[in-house]
Every structure is written in structure tokens, then in C-alpha cells.
Amino acid sequence: MSELRSIADKARPSASGPASPLSELSTTPKSHLHPRPSFDLADHPVPGGKEEVWRFTPLEPLRDLFNGAGGTGSLAWESRLPSGVALGEIGLDEAKALGIPAPMDRVSAMAVNRAGRVALIDVPADVALDGPVVIGLNGADAQSTVFGHLVFRIGARARATVVLRHTGAARYGSSVSVLVGEGATLNFVSLQDWDDGAIHAGQHSFRIGADAKVKSVTASLGGSLIRLMETASYAGPGGELEQFGVYFVNAAQHVEHRLFVDHNQPNTVSNVDYRGALQGQGAQAVWVGDVLIRKVAENISTYESNKNLVLTDGCRAESVPNLEIETGEIRGAGHSSTTGRFDDEQLFYLRSRGIPEDEARRLVVHGFFVDIIRRIQVPEVEQRLLAAVEKELQAAVSSPNQEK
């Protein structure tokens, strides 16, 4: 990250950005589904595969990310910053002073401790950006082990769109923290658009200020193994979170999304909708969603949904929604999960109107994803993602029952 200049003075907490964590926010989540968050690498031993948080994950491809072997390089950076947005470097202690959430697994803890300097992308308070903040990270070697640590700070009452895109090939361990100030509005898009053979594991964490509104869209395509822990908590009452995701899993690929929404403040809202499609022998998708509603989080509303569409034989989808509720004083809480093949009624309807079977299948899958993709609201990103999904469909719908 040689292009980054030092802006350590911006790391000091200020009235324009999220405050340092309150004592309540620092309390260890009581969820039995997650280990204790900690910056100390010793608190995250190398997993053996029987741990709840690792039981679905192939561990061998992650060995270098667990032990940090060779992790001394960095991904190539590209950035497009609207006027007023600052990009620079701070130290880990300065990042902690901003109130970044602690790592919840071995890889994200390794990223925090091995990445060295922290990239800080700073959006000032009270601004409405005239274009998206775009950060592109590119790997050049599937055999290289790289760690990265990014912090996005969105000032109070700011309005911003952020696009974080990963391309190329590497074994990449990451930690991304998004600190959203009081009353701010953020549209955050994370694209895992890796080449074949890439491995990406890490943690994306949101801390949502009072009355702030956050929409997150995550898309995972390509690579051989993608595993993201996505967490969210609230720095004050009134915060709202929408989390949307799409993933397309091919033969021998493993794509895993683990979500944890910690309702630790009253009058907060969360809505989660993730959708995936699988094709080919050995394709495996894992989605684990968990919402913890603490005793103090009265009058909250939450819903989480995961849908998987199996396109060929030989695929496996794990979908595990969870709710942990410590108070009965809530507006509503629910979850749903579905995994299945094409809807025969939809196919019959389309074919009865003269649409060939292959085209009908393509339309069904396209419609399955398009509702989520349109929520990105960045036209160039939507078009790129729709084109990527279309490319995947060309290999799937023409032979729906063939093992690949």
C-alpha cells in the first residue's frame, strides 16, 4: 500500500465520526454459535474441524492463512475517490481507538496482526458524495499468501456508496471494518470476483450509529474457496441494516457466508436476504445466519432469509438460520430457509407460452438473482454482476441434470 499517505491524526475519535465503543458494545456476545471476539491471536487457536464455526469448512486449503506462512506481500490497489474522501494509513492501536470490532475467527485475527498498517478510508461528516468510493484489490499469484486490514469510517449524517472489489488470484486473509456515524446513510457493496484457484477468508464488520441506515450487498463468484464472516452491531438506538447477498458456486468450489447480527440496542432493525445457485459435482455452499437479540434490545424488528437453487446433481447446500432472543419486548423476529431445484410450475408456465426449455431455465435463474442485484444501485457494478451470472448460466441450464 505504498500509495497510501499517513493520516494518523484522522484516527483520533471526533464528533464527526463514530465514537469509541461503549462499555456495553465491548461486552462479549453471548451467542453459543461464535467464539469470543479478541484481537489476541492466542484466543483463536488453529481449528481442528469440530468447532461449531468451522465444521462446514475445508481446512486444508486455509493452512497458510491459519499460520501466516509467506504472508508478507499485499494486493495491488486501485481507488476512485469522490472529492473530500481521504485514503491513508494508520496503526493497529489507532484503529482500535476508533472502535473497530474485534476478530471472531483465526483468519481475521491473523489479518489484523499480520497486515501491518491499516488502510483508512475516511468519508467526512455532513457530505453527500457525488459518486461511489471504489476500492479495487487485485492479486497476481494464486500461490501467494496475503493479509489485508481495511477500515471505512463514514462520518455522521454523511451519505455514501462504497464498492470494494476483489479480483485476480491469491490466498487472501482480510479484516474489513465499517464504522457508520450517527444519522449516516451507507450503501456498501462487496464483490468477490476472483479467478479460479483463489482463496479468500476473513471478516466484514459493521458498527451502525444511532439512526443510521446501512444497506450491504455481498456477491461471491469465482475462486476455489470463499469464506466470509459478516458481523453487525449497533452503536446507538434507531439504526437500520439491510444485508443482501448472492453467490454462484461451481464444481469443486466452496462458498461460505456466516452472518451475525447483534441487536445490542433498542429500536433497531435488520433484514437479511441471501440467495445462491449451485452447479457441478462437489459444489458446496454454506450459509449460517444468526441474530442475537439482547435483553436491552427492546422494540426491535429482524428477519433473515436464505434461498438456494440447485441446478445440477452433485451439489450440496447447507443453510442454518438461527434466532437467539433474550427479551420478549420486540416488534417481530423470524427466519426462513429454502433449498430446491427449478420450480416446475414456473417452467411449465414459460414453456406453455412457446419459450424453449433452456431459455425458460435461464429466465428462472436470472429472475432468482436480479431482485438482489438491482439493489446495488451502482449501474456499472450491476451490469458487471449480471454479465457474470449470465456467463455462469450458459454452462448450467443447457444440461440441468448432468453431473459436472
Foldseek 3Di string as FASTA:
>chain_A
DVVAAADLVVLADDQFFDAAADPLVQDFDPDPQFQGFDLDLVSAAQDDCPRNVRVVPDRPVCVCLLVVVQADDFFDKDKDDFPPKHKHWHFLVSNNNRHFTGFTHRNQSSLSVRQGIEIEIEATHPEEGPDAIEMETEDADQDHEYHHHYEYIATALYEHEYEYEYEEAYAYRYEYEYTHEHNYEYEYEYEAHYAENHHYEYEYEYEAEALYEYEYEYEHEHYQEYEYEYEYEYREANYEYEYEYEYEWEANHEYEYEYEYELSYANYEYEEEYEYEYAAANTEYEYEYEYEAAARHAAYEYEYEYEYEYQEPRYYYHYHYYYHYDHPRYPYYYYYYYYYYDDPVQQCVVVVVPDDNLVSRVVRVLVRCLVSLVVSPPVVSSVVVSVVVSVVSVVGSVCRYDHD
